[in-house]
């Protein structure tokens, strides 16, 4: 089916027993793999020069981050339980948001309800010595009622096949290019979307436009030494929601690059920006970790370039897995400390983490 003169979509049927996934592809600007062996690349690959880097006193202790033996919590003046202006936003830890648009469409981002898929859950615990200590206070049943579920990429902390099996065929998933092939066959409705492609939720309440955006990241899920790997064979996205003249950006996992300026050039100032600030730390590979995950100061720079009217940081917290961070709230500590020397043009909202202890 041709949606416009330049928008192509087609259907692929994945069959397994009685369950069939339906995959629609919308790729308006013809995002393609950039190598002969069909692997995706970032919009701006190569070495980066970062506008700012915290060098000293990055993790100075703060009175507004209170920790017990089991968990930490921000208690300062930016705290809100929910964000409720045009968009209603609730954070369930790590990358999981429940977003209600001005037209009351409910959209979920990157739901992972418990641990990684097997066997990565076992391997992570074996090498890191820790499981997830808290999980989202949101049920499979609640998520299954959403109008759309958005996945940014297929890494295990953002995409869980056992969750898909539990959610079943009811949700409509929007995903990056070639990610639909990774879904278990449960009768799912999947729309793969290339960068700057759009799709619309329309009902009697109005419309919400969903646009796939570039992110600066990478993709890998399966590695068998000397036999198979799938590095960069599936793309990675951020997402933009537009409803009743208001915009919300969910950046997905991303490092800092000029793609933020491209987004601002196309869409102007963004009303609400959900930007990651964590998973940038590694003693062994610091350059690589920062290349694909923004530091807190990178997120401040990106928010200012996007002209975010409201910035909501995520990626840290009690429901994260302790990957690429000193501690659960070290990234937020660094973020708040950096705000003292890097002014944020918009408003900061730190959402309470709606999670429960395991």
Foldseek 3Di string as FASTA:
>chain_A
DAPDPQWDWDWDWDDDPPFIEIEIETERPPQFCDDPVTFRAAPDDDDDDFPDDDDPPLQPDDPQWDDDPQFIWGRDDQEDQWDDDQKTWHAQAAQWIWIQHNLRATEIEQDDFAFFEPPVRVVCCVVVVDGQFWGGPDDLVRNLPGAEYEFFAPPRSRDHQVSDQVSAARHAYEYAPPCVVVHDRRNHHYYHYYAQTWDWDDDPSGIKIKGWHGAQAWHWDDDDPPPDTCTRNTGGTKMWIADPRAIETERHFHAADCSLLVVCVVPNAHAEYEAEAFQQADPVCNSRSNSRHPHLVSVLVSNVSNNYQEYEYHRATSRHGPHNDPHRCSRVSSNVVVCVVRPRPHHYHYHTHNIGGD
